[in-house]
Amino acid sequence: MRFARFVLLASALPFAALGLAFLVAPHELAARAGIALAHATAEADARAVYGGLQLACGALLAAAALGSEARVRAGIAAQLALYGGLAGARFVSLALAGPPSALGVALHAGELLALAAGALAWRALARGSALAVHASPRGVSIERARARELGELLPLVEAFQREEGYSTGDAALAEALAALLRDASAGRVLIAREAGAPIGYAALCYGYSIEFRGRDAFVDELYVAPAQRGRGLGRALLRALETEARASGVRKLHLEVEQQNAGARRLYVAESFRANGRELLGKSLVD
C-alpha cells in the first residue's frame, strides 16, 4: 500500500508541474513543445487543456494517494489509464510522424517508466488482497472480504450473534457489517472458504492508543461454522488476522472472550494473548 501511495504521488507531480506551468506561461511551454499559439483562442485552449486539465489530473492522483485503500486502488487504475493513454498516443505519433524530438523521447521514457511503476503497484495491491495462510487446513482459503460479499458473510455473522446470545435479525447489523467492508480505515474482515463456500470469518476493528503509542485493534469477532470446527480453522483465522494487524501498523491487539467459552480461551492463551489485570467496562451511547 505504501508503494502504491508513493507511485500516485510521484505520478501526480509531472501533471501538477506541467499544468501549473501552462497556466502561467503557455507561450513559453508551447514553444518548447513545438506548438505555435497563433491567436487568443489557441492560448486559452493551451491554458485549459495543458494547464487546467493536467493540474486536475495531478490533484486527482494526489487525493487518491492520501485517501483510503479503496481510493488508492481507484487512483492506481486512473494512473494506468492516464499514462497508458499518453504512452499509447506517442506510439501512434511515432508510427505516423516518424522519430520524435529529444524532448519527445524524454517525455515518452518518463511516461513508460510511470506506466511500469503503476503496473507494479497494481500487482502489489492485487497480491495483498489475498492472504497466504500456510497453517490453514487443506482446501481452505482465507481472504479479505469485499463489500460485494456482504450477502455471503451476513449469514455467518448472524449465526455467531445467535450462538453468543446477542441480538440479531435487525437492519443495523447488516449496515454495520457493510460499513466495515467498505471502509478499510475502520478495519478488516477475513472470510474462510472451502470449495467456494464460506465456512468462517474473523473481524478486526482499528483504534488508537496513547498508551501503546499508536494504532491498536480489537479482534471483534471470530467464528467457524459448527461442522467445520476441530480442524484448526479458528487458529488459522486468528493468525491471518494478526498478519493483517501487523501489516496495518497495529502495535497492540486486544480481544474479549466469554467467561464460559473455555475452548476459545484455550486458543487465545495458546496464541499468546494474556489478561492485563484490568476490567473492560462499556457504556452504550445509543438510545
C-alpha atoms as a PDB file:
ATOM      1  CA  MET A   1       0.000   0.000   0.000  1.00  0.00           C
ATOM      2  CA  ARG A   2       2.852   2.416   0.788  1.00  0.00           C
ATOM      3  CA  PHE A   3       4.427   1.738  -2.597  1.00  0.00           C
ATOM      4  CA  ALA A   4       1.117   2.422  -4.339  1.00  0.00           C
ATOM      5  CA  ARG A   5       0.726   5.715  -2.466  1.00  0.00           C
ATOM      6  CA  PHE A   6       4.282   6.690  -3.435  1.00  0.00           C
ATOM      7  CA  VAL A   7       3.605   5.864  -7.096  1.00  0.00           C
ATOM      8  CA  LEU A   8       0.482   8.009  -7.075  1.00  0.00           C
ATOM      9  CA  LEU A   9       2.245  10.992  -5.518  1.00  0.00           C
ATOM     10  CA  ALA A  10       5.203  10.660  -7.890  1.00  0.00           C
ATOM     11  CA  SER A  11       2.824  10.374 -10.842  1.00  0.00           C
ATOM     12  CA  ALA A  12       0.894  13.446  -9.724  1.00  0.00           C
ATOM     13  CA  LEU A  13       3.947  15.721  -9.711  1.00  0.00           C
ATOM     14  CA  PRO A  14       4.562  15.917 -13.513  1.00  0.00           C
ATOM     15  CA  PHE A  15       0.882  16.588 -14.166  1.00  0.00           C
ATOM     16  CA  ALA A  16       0.755  19.282 -11.499  1.00  0.00           C
ATOM     17  CA  ALA A  17       4.030  20.915 -12.572  1.00  0.00           C
ATOM     18  CA  LEU A  18       3.192  20.992 -16.287  1.00  0.00           C
ATOM     19  CA  GLY A  19      -0.359  22.114 -15.606  1.00  0.00           C
ATOM     20  CA  LEU A  20       0.774  24.986 -13.423  1.00  0.00           C
ATOM     21  CA  ALA A  21       3.463  25.989 -15.920  1.00  0.00           C
ATOM     22  CA  PHE A  22       0.987  26.075 -18.819  1.00  0.00           C
ATOM     23  CA  LEU A  23      -1.433  28.158 -16.773  1.00  0.00           C
ATOM     24  CA  VAL A  24       1.271  30.732 -16.005  1.00  0.00           C
ATOM     25  CA  ALA A  25       3.352  30.748 -19.201  1.00  0.00           C
ATOM     26  CA  PRO A  26       1.537  28.966 -22.029  1.00  0.00           C
ATOM     27  CA  HIS A  27       3.560  30.537 -24.881  1.00  0.00           C
ATOM     28  CA  GLU A  28       6.968  29.563 -23.471  1.00  0.00           C
ATOM     29  CA  LEU A  29       5.914  25.969 -22.697  1.00  0.00           C
ATOM     30  CA  ALA A  30       4.137  25.564 -26.039  1.00  0.00           C
ATOM     31  CA  ALA A  31       7.226  26.797 -27.895  1.00  0.00           C
ATOM     32  CA  ARG A  32       9.384  24.187 -26.133  1.00  0.00           C
ATOM     33  CA  ALA A  33       6.928  21.503 -27.254  1.00  0.00           C
ATOM     34  CA  GLY A  34       6.924  22.842 -30.823  1.00  0.00           C
ATOM     35  CA  ILE A  35       3.385  24.230 -30.609  1.00  0.00           C
ATOM     36  CA  ALA A  36       2.590  27.669 -32.019  1.00  0.00           C
ATOM     37  CA  LEU A  37      -0.176  29.597 -30.269  1.00  0.00           C
ATOM     38  CA  ALA A  38      -1.204  31.823 -33.150  1.00  0.00           C
ATOM     39  CA  HIS A  39      -4.213  33.546 -31.578  1.00  0.00           C
ATOM     40  CA  ALA A  40      -6.058  34.136 -28.319  1.00  0.00           C
ATOM     41  CA  THR A  41      -8.279  31.069 -28.672  1.00  0.00           C
ATOM     42  CA  ALA A  42      -5.229  28.811 -29.000  1.00  0.00           C
ATOM     43  CA  GLU A  43      -3.730  30.392 -25.878  1.00  0.00           C
ATOM     44  CA  ALA A  44      -6.969  29.837 -23.952  1.00  0.00           C
ATOM     45  CA  ASP A  45      -7.093  26.212 -25.129  1.00  0.00           C
ATOM     46  CA  ALA A  46      -3.494  25.662 -24.032  1.00  0.00           C
ATOM     47  CA  ARG A  47      -4.290  27.000 -20.584  1.00  0.00           C
ATOM     48  CA  ALA A  48      -7.443  24.879 -20.362  1.00  0.00           C
ATOM     49  CA  VAL A  49      -6.193  21.587 -21.817  1.00  0.00           C
ATOM     50  CA  TYR A  50      -2.499  21.612 -20.966  1.00  0.00           C
ATOM     51  CA  GLY A  51      -2.934  23.697 -17.844  1.00  0.00           C
ATOM     52  CA  GLY A  52      -6.240  23.139 -16.112  1.00  0.00           C
ATOM     53  CA  LEU A  53      -6.760  19.546 -17.210  1.00  0.00           C
ATOM     54  CA  GLN A  54      -3.259  18.386 -16.268  1.00  0.00           C
ATOM     55  CA  LEU A  55      -3.434  20.225 -12.968  1.00  0.00           C
ATOM     56  CA  ALA A  56      -6.741  18.494 -12.247  1.00  0.00           C
ATOM     57  CA  CYS A  57      -5.222  15.094 -13.101  1.00  0.00           C
ATOM     58  CA  GLY A  58      -2.361  15.755 -10.706  1.00  0.00           C
ATOM     59  CA  ALA A  59      -4.778  16.780  -7.954  1.00  0.00           C
ATOM     60  CA  LEU A  60      -6.854  13.651  -8.567  1.00  0.00           C
ATOM     61  CA  LEU A  61      -3.847  11.324  -8.236  1.00  0.00           C
ATOM     62  CA  ALA A  62      -2.587  13.142  -5.141  1.00  0.00           C
ATOM     63  CA  ALA A  63      -6.009  12.973  -3.473  1.00  0.00           C
ATOM     64  CA  ALA A  64      -6.184   9.244  -4.175  1.00  0.00           C
ATOM     65  CA  ALA A  65      -2.722   8.746  -2.664  1.00  0.00           C
ATOM     66  CA  LEU A  66      -3.839  10.367   0.585  1.00  0.00           C
ATOM     67  CA  GLY A  67      -7.196   8.584   0.770  1.00  0.00           C
ATOM     68  CA  SER A  68      -8.477   5.200   1.868  1.00  0.00           C
ATOM     69  CA  GLU A  69      -7.338   1.873   0.437  1.00  0.00           C
ATOM     70  CA  ALA A  70     -10.271   1.853  -1.967  1.00  0.00           C
ATOM     71  CA  ARG A  71      -9.269   5.304  -3.241  1.00  0.00           C
ATOM     72  CA  VAL A  72      -5.671   4.191  -3.660  1.00  0.00           C
ATOM     73  CA  ARG A  73      -6.846   1.274  -5.815  1.00  0.00           C
ATOM     74  CA  ALA A  74      -9.029   3.590  -7.876  1.00  0.00           C
ATOM     75  CA  GLY A  75      -6.140   6.040  -8.148  1.00  0.00           C
ATOM     76  CA  ILE A  76      -3.752   3.389  -9.466  1.00  0.00           C
ATOM     77  CA  ALA A  77      -6.361   2.386 -12.046  1.00  0.00           C
ATOM     78  CA  ALA A  78      -6.642   6.053 -13.087  1.00  0.00           C
ATOM     79  CA  GLN A  79      -2.842   6.382 -13.196  1.00  0.00           C
ATOM     80  CA  LEU A  80      -2.584   3.385 -15.508  1.00  0.00           C
ATOM     81  CA  ALA A  81      -5.286   4.818 -17.760  1.00  0.00           C
ATOM     82  CA  LEU A  82      -3.689   8.288 -17.898  1.00  0.00           C
ATOM     83  CA  TYR A  83      -0.114   7.212 -18.519  1.00  0.00           C
ATOM     84  CA  GLY A  84      -1.216   4.336 -20.719  1.00  0.00           C
ATOM     85  CA  GLY A  85      -3.147   6.779 -22.884  1.00  0.00           C
ATOM     86  CA  LEU A  86      -0.196   9.161 -23.121  1.00  0.00           C
ATOM     87  CA  ALA A  87       2.287   6.410 -23.954  1.00  0.00           C
ATOM     88  CA  GLY A  88      -0.081   4.836 -26.474  1.00  0.00           C
ATOM     89  CA  ALA A  89      -0.674   8.156 -28.210  1.00  0.00           C
ATOM     90  CA  ARG A  90       3.075   8.711 -28.545  1.00  0.00           C
ATOM     91  CA  PHE A  91       3.465   5.290 -30.147  1.00  0.00           C
ATOM     92  CA  VAL A  92       0.792   6.252 -32.663  1.00  0.00           C
ATOM     93  CA  SER A  93       2.560   9.560 -33.301  1.00  0.00           C
ATOM     94  CA  LEU A  94       5.840   7.723 -33.824  1.00  0.00           C
ATOM     95  CA  ALA A  95       4.227   5.481 -36.404  1.00  0.00           C
ATOM     96  CA  LEU A  96       2.587   8.384 -38.256  1.00  0.00           C
ATOM     97  CA  ALA A  97       5.106  11.210 -37.934  1.00  0.00           C
ATOM     98  CA  GLY A  98       8.453   9.469 -37.570  1.00  0.00           C
ATOM     99  CA  PRO A  99      11.145   9.839 -34.889  1.00  0.00           C
ATOM    100  CA  PRO A 100      10.286  12.361 -32.145  1.00  0.00           C
ATOM    101  CA  SER A 101      12.443  15.188 -30.875  1.00  0.00           C
ATOM    102  CA  ALA A 102      14.780  14.806 -27.919  1.00  0.00           C
ATOM    103  CA  LEU A 103      12.085  16.287 -25.687  1.00  0.00           C
ATOM    104  CA  GLY A 104       9.553  13.805 -27.076  1.00  0.00           C
ATOM    105  CA  VAL A 105      11.906  10.909 -26.346  1.00  0.00           C
ATOM    106  CA  ALA A 106      12.391  12.121 -22.759  1.00  0.00           C
ATOM    107  CA  LEU A 107       8.650  12.516 -22.244  1.00  0.00           C
ATOM    108  CA  HIS A 108       7.950   9.090 -23.725  1.00  0.00           C
ATOM    109  CA  ALA A 109      10.562   7.471 -21.477  1.00  0.00           C
ATOM    110  CA  GLY A 110       9.049   9.154 -18.422  1.00  0.00           C
ATOM    111  CA  GLU A 111       5.562   8.013 -19.337  1.00  0.00           C
ATOM    112  CA  LEU A 112       6.680   4.420 -19.857  1.00  0.00           C
ATOM    113  CA  LEU A 113       8.506   4.487 -16.522  1.00  0.00           C
ATOM    114  CA  ALA A 114       5.399   5.809 -14.764  1.00  0.00           C
ATOM    115  CA  LEU A 115       3.292   3.184 -16.515  1.00  0.00           C
ATOM    116  CA  ALA A 116       5.633   0.405 -15.348  1.00  0.00           C
ATOM    117  CA  ALA A 117       5.555   1.729 -11.773  1.00  0.00           C
ATOM    118  CA  GLY A 118       1.757   1.808 -11.877  1.00  0.00           C
ATOM    119  CA  ALA A 119       1.643  -1.769 -13.118  1.00  0.00           C
ATOM    120  CA  LEU A 120       3.927  -2.899 -10.291  1.00  0.00           C
ATOM    121  CA  ALA A 121       1.766  -1.064  -7.756  1.00  0.00           C
ATOM    122  CA  TRP A 122      -1.380  -2.677  -9.164  1.00  0.00           C
ATOM    123  CA  ARG A 123       0.246  -6.100  -8.958  1.00  0.00           C
ATOM    124  CA  ALA A 124       1.311  -5.483  -5.358  1.00  0.00           C
ATOM    125  CA  LEU A 125      -2.224  -4.412  -4.420  1.00  0.00           C
ATOM    126  CA  ALA A 126      -3.681  -7.496  -6.104  1.00  0.00           C
ATOM    127  CA  ARG A 127      -1.299  -9.750  -4.224  1.00  0.00           C
ATOM    128  CA  GLY A 128      -2.188  -8.042  -0.965  1.00  0.00           C
ATOM    129  CA  SER A 129      -5.884  -8.785  -1.410  1.00  0.00           C
ATOM    130  CA  ALA A 130      -5.367 -12.492  -0.745  1.00  0.00           C
ATOM    131  CA  LEU A 131      -3.533 -13.861   2.268  1.00  0.00           C
ATOM    132  CA  ALA A 132      -1.395 -16.964   2.062  1.00  0.00           C
ATOM    133  CA  VAL A 133      -2.043 -18.665   5.400  1.00  0.00           C
ATOM    134  CA  HIS A 134       0.169 -21.737   5.442  1.00  0.00           C
ATOM    135  CA  ALA A 135      -1.342 -23.091   8.648  1.00  0.00           C
ATOM    136  CA  SER A 136      -4.882 -23.196   7.250  1.00  0.00           C
ATOM    137  CA  PRO A 137      -6.498 -26.608   6.754  1.00  0.00           C
ATOM    138  CA  ARG A 138      -6.067 -28.239   3.371  1.00  0.00           C
ATOM    139  CA  GLY A 139      -8.507 -26.932   0.790  1.00  0.00           C
ATOM    140  CA  VAL A 140      -9.386 -23.809   2.802  1.00  0.00           C
ATOM    141  CA  SER A 141      -8.600 -20.293   1.596  1.00  0.00           C
ATOM    142  CA  ILE A 142      -8.602 -17.179   3.775  1.00  0.00           C
ATOM    143  CA  GLU A 143      -9.026 -13.842   2.027  1.00  0.00           C
ATOM    144  CA  ARG A 144     -10.121 -10.311   2.740  1.00  0.00           C
ATOM    145  CA  ALA A 145     -13.874  -9.992   2.410  1.00  0.00           C
ATOM    146  CA  ARG A 146     -15.099  -7.380  -0.068  1.00  0.00           C
ATOM    147  CA  ALA A 147     -18.221  -5.233   0.018  1.00  0.00           C
ATOM    148  CA  ARG A 148     -19.791  -7.354  -2.708  1.00  0.00           C
ATOM    149  CA  GLU A 149     -19.548 -10.405  -0.408  1.00  0.00           C
ATOM    150  CA  LEU A 150     -21.906  -8.976   2.203  1.00  0.00           C
ATOM    151  CA  GLY A 151     -24.668 -11.433   1.238  1.00  0.00           C
ATOM    152  CA  GLU A 152     -22.378 -14.427   1.799  1.00  0.00           C
ATOM    153  CA  LEU A 153     -20.892 -13.117   5.013  1.00  0.00           C
ATOM    154  CA  LEU A 154     -24.048 -11.916   6.766  1.00  0.00           C
ATOM    155  CA  PRO A 155     -25.473 -15.424   7.498  1.00  0.00           C
ATOM    156  CA  LEU A 156     -22.223 -16.353   9.272  1.00  0.00           C
ATOM    157  CA  VAL A 157     -22.326 -13.158  11.322  1.00  0.00           C
ATOM    158  CA  GLU A 158     -25.945 -13.769  12.279  1.00  0.00           C
ATOM    159  CA  ALA A 159     -25.096 -17.360  13.255  1.00  0.00           C
ATOM    160  CA  PHE A 160     -22.309 -16.071  15.519  1.00  0.00           C
ATOM    161  CA  GLN A 161     -24.630 -13.500  17.076  1.00  0.00           C
ATOM    162  CA  ARG A 162     -27.283 -16.146  17.791  1.00  0.00           C
ATOM    163  CA  GLU A 163     -24.751 -18.577  19.239  1.00  0.00           C
ATOM    164  CA  GLU A 164     -23.369 -15.951  21.602  1.00  0.00           C
ATOM    165  CA  GLY A 165     -26.838 -14.787  22.626  1.00  0.00           C
ATOM    166  CA  TYR A 166     -26.546 -11.352  21.053  1.00  0.00           C
ATOM    167  CA  SER A 167     -29.380  -9.595  19.258  1.00  0.00           C
ATOM    168  CA  THR A 168     -29.718 -10.423  15.575  1.00  0.00           C
ATOM    169  CA  GLY A 169     -32.031 -10.001  12.628  1.00  0.00           C
ATOM    170  CA  ASP A 170     -32.054  -6.191  12.651  1.00  0.00           C
ATOM    171  CA  ALA A 171     -31.112  -3.970   9.738  1.00  0.00           C
ATOM    172  CA  ALA A 172     -28.444  -2.230  11.820  1.00  0.00           C
ATOM    173  CA  LEU A 173     -26.363  -5.430  11.888  1.00  0.00           C
ATOM    174  CA  ALA A 174     -26.179  -5.594   8.093  1.00  0.00           C
ATOM    175  CA  GLU A 175     -25.461  -1.867   7.906  1.00  0.00           C
ATOM    176  CA  ALA A 176     -22.609  -2.125  10.434  1.00  0.00           C
ATOM    177  CA  LEU A 177     -21.058  -5.043   8.564  1.00  0.00           C
ATOM    178  CA  ALA A 178     -21.430  -3.305   5.201  1.00  0.00           C
ATOM    179  CA  ALA A 179     -19.744  -0.160   6.560  1.00  0.00           C
ATOM    180  CA  LEU A 180     -16.771  -2.201   7.798  1.00  0.00           C
ATOM    181  CA  LEU A 181     -16.421  -3.953   4.445  1.00  0.00           C
ATOM    182  CA  ARG A 182     -16.466  -0.625   2.601  1.00  0.00           C
ATOM    183  CA  ASP A 183     -14.071   1.302   4.814  1.00  0.00           C
ATOM    184  CA  ALA A 184     -10.578  -0.200   5.044  1.00  0.00           C
ATOM    185  CA  SER A 185      -9.569   2.517   7.545  1.00  0.00           C
ATOM    186  CA  ALA A 186     -12.089   1.080  10.049  1.00  0.00           C
ATOM    187  CA  GLY A 187     -10.794  -2.479   9.973  1.00  0.00           C
ATOM    188  CA  ARG A 188     -10.684  -5.752   8.086  1.00  0.00           C
ATOM    189  CA  VAL A 189     -12.930  -8.770   7.690  1.00  0.00           C
ATOM    190  CA  LEU A 190     -11.428 -12.088   6.614  1.00  0.00           C
ATOM    191  CA  ILE A 191     -13.545 -14.857   5.164  1.00  0.00           C
ATOM    192  CA  ALA A 192     -12.627 -18.554   5.067  1.00  0.00           C
ATOM    193  CA  ARG A 193     -13.880 -20.651   2.164  1.00  0.00           C
ATOM    194  CA  GLU A 194     -13.838 -24.295   1.232  1.00  0.00           C
ATOM    195  CA  ALA A 195     -14.822 -25.307  -2.302  1.00  0.00           C
ATOM    196  CA  GLY A 196     -16.032 -21.711  -2.722  1.00  0.00           C
ATOM    197  CA  ALA A 197     -18.451 -21.868   0.226  1.00  0.00           C
ATOM    198  CA  PRO A 198     -17.963 -19.524   3.225  1.00  0.00           C
ATOM    199  CA  ILE A 199     -17.295 -21.506   6.410  1.00  0.00           C
ATOM    200  CA  GLY A 200     -15.909 -18.914   8.837  1.00  0.00           C
ATOM    201  CA  TYR A 201     -14.813 -15.333   9.294  1.00  0.00           C
ATOM    202  CA  ALA A 202     -12.851 -13.011  11.548  1.00  0.00           C
ATOM    203  CA  ALA A 203     -13.228  -9.258  12.031  1.00  0.00           C
ATOM    204  CA  LEU A 204     -10.549  -6.762  13.047  1.00  0.00           C
ATOM    205  CA  CYS A 205     -11.510  -3.222  14.130  1.00  0.00           C
ATOM    206  CA  TYR A 206      -8.921  -0.447  14.448  1.00  0.00           C
ATOM    207  CA  GLY A 207      -8.486   2.020  17.260  1.00  0.00           C
ATOM    208  CA  TYR A 208      -5.749   4.305  18.581  1.00  0.00           C
ATOM    209  CA  SER A 209      -3.963   4.335  21.912  1.00  0.00           C
ATOM    210  CA  ILE A 210      -1.626   6.845  23.523  1.00  0.00           C
ATOM    211  CA  GLU A 211      -0.552   4.116  25.943  1.00  0.00           C
ATOM    212  CA  PHE A 212       0.562   1.839  23.123  1.00  0.00           C
ATOM    213  CA  ARG A 213       1.990   4.743  21.116  1.00  0.00           C
ATOM    214  CA  GLY A 214      -0.166   4.367  18.054  1.00  0.00           C
ATOM    215  CA  ARG A 215      -2.736   2.183  16.384  1.00  0.00           C
ATOM    216  CA  ASP A 216      -4.296  -0.690  18.315  1.00  0.00           C
ATOM    217  CA  ALA A 217      -7.070  -3.049  17.281  1.00  0.00           C
ATOM    218  CA  PHE A 218      -9.700  -5.459  18.590  1.00  0.00           C
ATOM    219  CA  VAL A 219     -10.362  -8.948  17.351  1.00  0.00           C
ATOM    220  CA  ASP A 220     -14.020  -8.035  17.213  1.00  0.00           C
ATOM    221  CA  GLU A 221     -15.457 -11.377  16.095  1.00  0.00           C
ATOM    222  CA  LEU A 222     -14.138 -14.804  15.138  1.00  0.00           C
ATOM    223  CA  TYR A 223     -16.477 -17.567  14.021  1.00  0.00           C
ATOM    224  CA  VAL A 224     -16.214 -21.017  12.457  1.00  0.00           C
ATOM    225  CA  ALA A 225     -19.296 -22.929  11.318  1.00  0.00           C
ATOM    226  CA  PRO A 226     -20.033 -25.778  13.789  1.00  0.00           C
ATOM    227  CA  ALA A 227     -19.480 -28.534  11.192  1.00  0.00           C
ATOM    228  CA  GLN A 228     -16.006 -27.148  10.441  1.00  0.00           C
ATOM    229  CA  ARG A 229     -14.652 -26.957  13.975  1.00  0.00           C
ATOM    230  CA  GLY A 230     -11.775 -29.043  15.265  1.00  0.00           C
ATOM    231  CA  ARG A 231      -9.702 -28.596  12.090  1.00  0.00           C
ATOM    232  CA  GLY A 232      -7.536 -25.662  13.193  1.00  0.00           C
ATOM    233  CA  LEU A 233      -9.528 -23.137  11.197  1.00  0.00           C
ATOM    234  CA  GLY A 234     -10.083 -20.817  14.155  1.00  0.00           C
ATOM    235  CA  ARG A 235      -6.331 -20.699  14.773  1.00  0.00           C
ATOM    236  CA  ALA A 236      -5.678 -20.040  11.074  1.00  0.00           C
ATOM    237  CA  LEU A 237      -8.171 -17.166  11.053  1.00  0.00           C
ATOM    238  CA  LEU A 238      -6.664 -15.675  14.194  1.00  0.00           C
ATOM    239  CA  ARG A 239      -3.143 -15.835  12.770  1.00  0.00           C
ATOM    240  CA  ALA A 240      -4.312 -14.347   9.479  1.00  0.00           C
ATOM    241  CA  LEU A 241      -5.934 -11.518  11.415  1.00  0.00           C
ATOM    242  CA  GLU A 242      -2.670 -10.933  13.278  1.00  0.00           C
ATOM    243  CA  THR A 243      -0.855 -10.755   9.934  1.00  0.00           C
ATOM    244  CA  GLU A 244      -3.346  -8.127   8.780  1.00  0.00           C
ATOM    245  CA  ALA A 245      -2.894  -6.183  12.008  1.00  0.00           C
ATOM    246  CA  ARG A 246       0.900  -6.164  11.721  1.00  0.00           C
ATOM    247  CA  ALA A 247       0.729  -5.064   8.071  1.00  0.00           C
ATOM    248  CA  SER A 248      -1.577  -2.193   9.103  1.00  0.00           C
ATOM    249  CA  GLY A 249       0.817  -0.920  11.753  1.00  0.00           C
ATOM    250  CA  VAL A 250      -1.141  -2.171  14.778  1.00  0.00           C
ATOM    251  CA  ARG A 251       1.015  -2.093  17.912  1.00  0.00           C
ATOM    252  CA  LYS A 252      -1.346  -3.868  20.324  1.00  0.00           C
ATOM    253  CA  LEU A 253      -4.048  -6.427  19.632  1.00  0.00           C
ATOM    254  CA  HIS A 254      -6.956  -6.924  22.069  1.00  0.00           C
ATOM    255  CA  LEU A 255      -9.853  -9.312  22.295  1.00  0.00           C
ATOM    256  CA  GLU A 256     -12.727 -10.280  24.563  1.00  0.00           C
ATOM    257  CA  VAL A 257     -13.724 -13.821  25.445  1.00  0.00           C
ATOM    258  CA  GLU A 258     -16.887 -15.007  27.155  1.00  0.00           C
ATOM    259  CA  GLN A 259     -16.100 -16.475  30.569  1.00  0.00           C
ATOM    260  CA  GLN A 260     -17.928 -19.717  29.779  1.00  0.00           C
ATOM    261  CA  ASN A 261     -16.151 -20.210  26.446  1.00  0.00           C
ATOM    262  CA  ALA A 262     -13.292 -22.411  27.627  1.00  0.00           C
ATOM    263  CA  GLY A 263     -12.341 -23.570  24.127  1.00  0.00           C
ATOM    264  CA  ALA A 264     -11.885 -20.054  22.821  1.00  0.00           C
ATOM    265  CA  ARG A 265      -9.907 -19.086  25.914  1.00  0.00           C
ATOM    266  CA  ARG A 266      -7.511 -22.014  25.380  1.00  0.00           C
ATOM    267  CA  LEU A 267      -6.949 -20.938  21.781  1.00  0.00           C
ATOM    268  CA  TYR A 268      -6.255 -17.328  22.716  1.00  0.00           C
ATOM    269  CA  VAL A 269      -3.871 -18.237  25.525  1.00  0.00           C
ATOM    270  CA  ALA A 270      -2.044 -20.636  23.200  1.00  0.00           C
ATOM    271  CA  GLU A 271      -1.663 -17.759  20.736  1.00  0.00           C
ATOM    272  CA  SER A 272      -0.017 -15.587  23.452  1.00  0.00           C
ATOM    273  CA  PHE A 273      -2.989 -13.414  24.420  1.00  0.00           C
ATOM    274  CA  ARG A 274      -2.837 -12.567  28.123  1.00  0.00           C
ATOM    275  CA  ALA A 275      -5.129 -10.980  30.694  1.00  0.00           C
ATOM    276  CA  ASN A 276      -3.935  -7.490  31.603  1.00  0.00           C
ATOM    277  CA  GLY A 277      -5.392  -7.300  35.094  1.00  0.00           C
ATOM    278  CA  ARG A 278      -7.950  -4.713  34.052  1.00  0.00           C
ATOM    279  CA  GLU A 279     -11.689  -4.864  33.732  1.00  0.00           C
ATOM    280  CA  LEU A 280     -13.297  -3.867  30.466  1.00  0.00           C
ATOM    281  CA  LEU A 281     -16.290  -1.597  31.016  1.00  0.00           C
ATOM    282  CA  GLY A 282     -18.738  -0.395  28.410  1.00  0.00           C
ATOM    283  CA  LYS A 283     -21.456   2.209  28.046  1.00  0.00           C
ATOM    284  CA  SER A 284     -23.979   2.341  25.234  1.00  0.00           C
ATOM    285  CA  LEU A 285     -24.361   5.729  23.572  1.00  0.00           C
ATOM    286  CA  VAL A 286     -27.346   4.619  21.504  1.00  0.00           C
ATOM    287  CA  ASP A 287     -30.865   5.026  22.928  1.00  0.00           C
END
